N, C-alpha and C. Protein backbone atom coordinates (compact mmCIF):
# COMPACT_ATOMS: atom_id res chain seq x y z
N UNK A 1 13.92 62.91 -3.41
CA UNK A 1 13.00 61.29 -3.15
C UNK A 1 13.55 60.10 -3.91
N UNK A 2 13.84 59.13 -3.34
CA UNK A 2 14.35 57.95 -4.25
C UNK A 2 12.86 57.07 -3.86
N UNK A 3 12.14 56.82 -5.12
CA UNK A 3 10.94 56.04 -5.02
C UNK A 3 11.24 54.67 -5.08
N UNK A 4 10.35 53.67 -4.64
CA UNK A 4 10.70 52.26 -4.40
C UNK A 4 10.47 51.52 -6.25
N UNK A 5 9.79 52.19 -7.17
CA UNK A 5 9.70 51.64 -8.21
C UNK A 5 9.37 52.83 -9.43
N UNK A 6 9.89 52.66 -10.48
CA UNK A 6 9.89 53.77 -11.56
C UNK A 6 9.67 53.25 -12.67
N UNK A 7 8.70 54.07 -13.56
CA UNK A 7 8.48 53.50 -14.87
C UNK A 7 8.13 54.93 -15.85
N UNK A 8 8.91 55.00 -16.55
CA UNK A 8 8.76 56.20 -17.79
C UNK A 8 7.62 55.69 -18.77
N UNK A 9 6.48 56.43 -18.53
CA UNK A 9 5.41 56.31 -19.09
C UNK A 9 5.25 57.67 -20.59
N UNK A 10 6.32 58.43 -20.33
CA UNK A 10 6.33 59.11 -21.69
C UNK A 10 5.69 58.66 -23.18
N UNK A 11 5.03 59.06 -23.61
CA UNK A 11 4.47 58.50 -25.12
C UNK A 11 3.52 57.28 -25.32
N UNK A 12 3.08 57.55 -23.73
CA UNK A 12 2.05 56.39 -23.67
C UNK A 12 0.60 56.99 -23.50
N UNK A 13 -0.21 56.79 -24.33
CA UNK A 13 -1.49 57.83 -24.38
C UNK A 13 -2.58 57.33 -23.52
N UNK A 14 -3.25 58.39 -23.16
CA UNK A 14 -4.57 57.91 -22.51
C UNK A 14 -5.75 56.64 -23.18
N UNK A 15 -6.08 55.66 -22.21
CA UNK A 15 -6.23 55.75 -20.59
C UNK A 15 -5.22 54.69 -20.58
N UNK A 16 -4.19 54.22 -21.71
CA UNK A 16 -3.42 53.13 -21.35
C UNK A 16 -2.21 53.48 -20.49
N UNK A 17 -1.73 54.60 -20.45
CA UNK A 17 -0.89 55.53 -19.05
C UNK A 17 -1.86 54.89 -17.73
N UNK A 18 -2.81 55.33 -17.56
CA UNK A 18 -3.44 54.97 -16.13
C UNK A 18 -3.73 53.97 -16.07
N UNK A 19 -3.87 52.59 -17.40
CA UNK A 19 -4.10 51.39 -16.93
C UNK A 19 -2.54 50.17 -16.60
N UNK A 20 -1.39 51.32 -16.98
CA UNK A 20 0.08 50.40 -16.50
C UNK A 20 0.13 51.26 -15.49
N UNK A 21 -0.05 52.66 -14.64
CA UNK A 21 0.26 53.01 -13.54
C UNK A 21 -0.58 52.20 -12.43
N UNK A 22 -2.10 51.63 -12.66
CA UNK A 22 -2.89 50.90 -11.81
C UNK A 22 -2.36 49.61 -11.51
N UNK A 23 -2.05 48.77 -13.00
CA UNK A 23 -1.32 47.41 -12.82
C UNK A 23 0.24 47.69 -11.92
N UNK A 24 0.93 48.88 -11.96
CA UNK A 24 2.04 48.56 -11.19
C UNK A 24 1.84 48.78 -9.76
N UNK A 25 0.68 49.79 -9.98
CA UNK A 25 0.34 50.16 -8.18
C UNK A 25 -0.10 48.80 -7.63
N UNK A 26 -0.87 47.96 -8.40
CA UNK A 26 -1.43 46.55 -7.40
C UNK A 26 -0.15 45.87 -7.41
N UNK A 27 1.01 45.60 -8.06
CA UNK A 27 1.99 44.67 -7.63
C UNK A 27 3.25 45.19 -6.63
N UNK A 28 2.57 46.45 -5.82
CA UNK A 28 3.38 46.91 -4.87
C UNK A 28 2.85 46.42 -3.38
N UNK A 29 3.68 46.97 -2.35
CA UNK A 29 3.25 46.89 -1.32
C UNK A 29 2.49 48.15 -0.52
N UNK A 30 1.98 47.96 0.16
CA UNK A 30 1.16 49.43 0.62
C UNK A 30 2.37 50.09 1.35
N UNK A 31 2.25 51.55 1.16
CA UNK A 31 3.29 52.56 1.86
C UNK A 31 4.50 52.62 0.66
N UNK A 32 4.18 51.77 -0.46
CA UNK A 32 5.52 52.08 -0.84
C UNK A 32 5.34 53.25 -1.98
N UNK A 33 6.48 53.64 -2.82
CA UNK A 33 6.31 54.78 -3.62
C UNK A 33 6.44 54.25 -5.17
N UNK A 34 5.76 54.98 -5.82
CA UNK A 34 6.12 54.60 -7.58
C UNK A 34 6.41 55.93 -8.12
N UNK A 35 7.51 56.50 -8.87
CA UNK A 35 7.88 57.24 -9.72
C UNK A 35 6.99 57.31 -11.44
N UNK A 36 6.63 57.99 -11.99
CA UNK A 36 6.10 57.86 -12.69
C UNK A 36 6.51 59.31 -14.10
N UNK A 37 6.89 59.04 -15.11
CA UNK A 37 6.69 60.06 -16.02
C UNK A 37 5.66 60.16 -16.90
N UNK A 38 5.37 61.40 -17.01
CA UNK A 38 3.92 61.50 -17.77
C UNK A 38 4.51 62.86 -18.58
N UNK A 39 3.97 62.76 -19.70
CA UNK A 39 3.67 63.98 -20.72
C UNK A 39 2.42 64.80 -20.59
N UNK A 40 3.09 66.10 -20.84
CA UNK A 40 1.71 67.01 -20.29
C UNK A 40 0.89 66.61 -20.94
N UNK A 41 -0.43 67.78 -21.13
CA UNK A 41 -1.39 67.79 -21.70
C UNK A 41 -2.51 66.74 -20.58
N UNK A 42 -3.48 65.50 -21.76
CA UNK A 42 -4.07 64.69 -20.91
C UNK A 42 -3.82 63.88 -19.86
N UNK A 43 -2.48 63.07 -19.94
CA UNK A 43 -1.64 62.40 -19.35
C UNK A 43 -1.51 62.94 -17.89
N UNK A 44 -1.16 64.26 -18.00
CA UNK A 44 -0.95 64.82 -16.48
C UNK A 44 -2.24 65.31 -15.45
N UNK A 45 -3.34 65.39 -16.98
CA UNK A 45 -4.79 66.30 -16.19
C UNK A 45 -5.54 65.04 -15.91
N UNK A 46 -5.32 63.80 -16.36
CA UNK A 46 -6.00 62.26 -15.83
C UNK A 46 -5.66 61.45 -15.02
N UNK A 47 -4.35 60.91 -15.16
CA UNK A 47 -3.50 60.10 -14.30
C UNK A 47 -3.54 60.36 -13.11
N UNK A 48 -3.57 61.71 -12.34
CA UNK A 48 -3.08 61.71 -10.78
C UNK A 48 -4.42 61.59 -10.09
N UNK A 49 -5.42 62.16 -10.86
CA UNK A 49 -6.92 62.30 -10.24
C UNK A 49 -7.40 60.97 -9.78
N UNK A 50 -6.96 60.45 -11.33
CA UNK A 50 -7.60 58.91 -11.30
C UNK A 50 -6.78 58.01 -10.19
N UNK A 51 -5.62 58.46 -9.71
CA UNK A 51 -4.82 57.66 -8.87
C UNK A 51 -5.56 57.94 -7.38
N UNK A 52 -5.59 59.16 -7.50
CA UNK A 52 -6.28 59.97 -5.81
C UNK A 52 -7.59 59.04 -5.73
N UNK A 53 -8.31 58.91 -6.79
CA UNK A 53 -9.66 58.63 -6.39
C UNK A 53 -9.84 57.22 -5.74
N UNK A 54 -8.59 56.38 -6.41
CA UNK A 54 -8.26 55.29 -5.87
C UNK A 54 -7.86 54.86 -4.42
N UNK A 55 -7.25 56.34 -3.77
CA UNK A 55 -7.09 56.00 -2.26
C UNK A 55 -5.81 56.33 -2.31
N UNK A 56 -4.92 56.34 -3.63
CA UNK A 56 -3.38 56.42 -3.30
C UNK A 56 -3.05 58.19 -3.12
N UNK A 57 -1.74 58.46 -2.68
CA UNK A 57 -1.45 59.88 -2.15
C UNK A 57 -0.77 60.19 -3.20
N UNK A 58 -0.92 61.27 -3.91
CA UNK A 58 0.35 62.12 -4.92
C UNK A 58 0.93 62.67 -3.87
N UNK A 59 2.55 62.64 -3.81
CA UNK A 59 3.74 63.01 -3.18
C UNK A 59 4.13 64.01 -3.53
N UNK A 60 4.57 63.80 -5.03
CA UNK A 60 5.13 65.32 -5.57
C UNK A 60 4.83 65.09 -7.10
N UNK A 61 4.49 66.32 -7.78
CA UNK A 61 4.07 66.57 -8.97
C UNK A 61 5.12 67.48 -9.73
N UNK A 62 5.80 67.42 -10.10
CA UNK A 62 6.78 68.23 -10.77
C UNK A 62 7.00 68.25 -12.34
N UNK A 63 6.96 69.38 -12.84
CA UNK A 63 6.51 69.79 -14.70
C UNK A 63 8.27 69.64 -14.88
N UNK A 64 8.80 69.07 -15.85
CA UNK A 64 10.39 69.18 -16.12
C UNK A 64 10.39 69.23 -17.78
N UNK A 65 10.26 70.69 -18.40
CA UNK A 65 10.07 70.59 -19.47
C UNK A 65 8.74 70.42 -20.11
N UNK A 66 8.33 69.07 -21.12
CA UNK A 66 7.28 68.78 -21.52
C UNK A 66 6.83 67.49 -20.63
N UNK A 67 7.64 67.43 -19.84
CA UNK A 67 6.99 66.09 -18.83
C UNK A 67 6.93 66.26 -17.61
N UNK A 68 6.13 64.99 -16.90
CA UNK A 68 5.82 65.58 -15.49
C UNK A 68 6.42 64.74 -14.75
N UNK A 69 7.19 64.35 -13.57
CA UNK A 69 7.52 63.54 -12.36
C UNK A 69 6.51 63.45 -11.60
N UNK A 70 5.88 62.13 -11.24
CA UNK A 70 4.75 62.00 -10.29
C UNK A 70 4.97 61.42 -9.57
N UNK A 71 5.19 61.19 -8.14
CA UNK A 71 5.47 59.99 -7.27
C UNK A 71 4.26 60.02 -6.30
N UNK A 72 4.00 58.83 -6.42
CA UNK A 72 2.53 57.91 -5.57
C UNK A 72 3.19 57.41 -4.67
N UNK A 73 2.00 57.40 -3.90
CA UNK A 73 2.38 56.53 -2.38
C UNK A 73 1.27 55.93 -2.70
N UNK A 74 1.45 54.57 -2.61
CA UNK A 74 0.30 53.36 -2.40
C UNK A 74 -0.25 53.20 -0.88
N UNK A 75 -1.30 53.01 -1.12
CA UNK A 75 -2.15 53.22 0.42
C UNK A 75 -2.65 51.34 0.44
């Protein structure tokens, strides 16, 4: 799946990684997709849940080594 936008947030600590994700989504159109890279641990535990609480949809969440690829659909 090719996302409309991509951002590597590996190495970005909580809650800054969520703030950056939220800002990226705010600049996108409804229905577009954002792929982000998150570190294992608190980032993957917190960011997807927070995004879903805002009403967006997690289309894919795959672990690759010590990082996660997450694809979000903006609603």
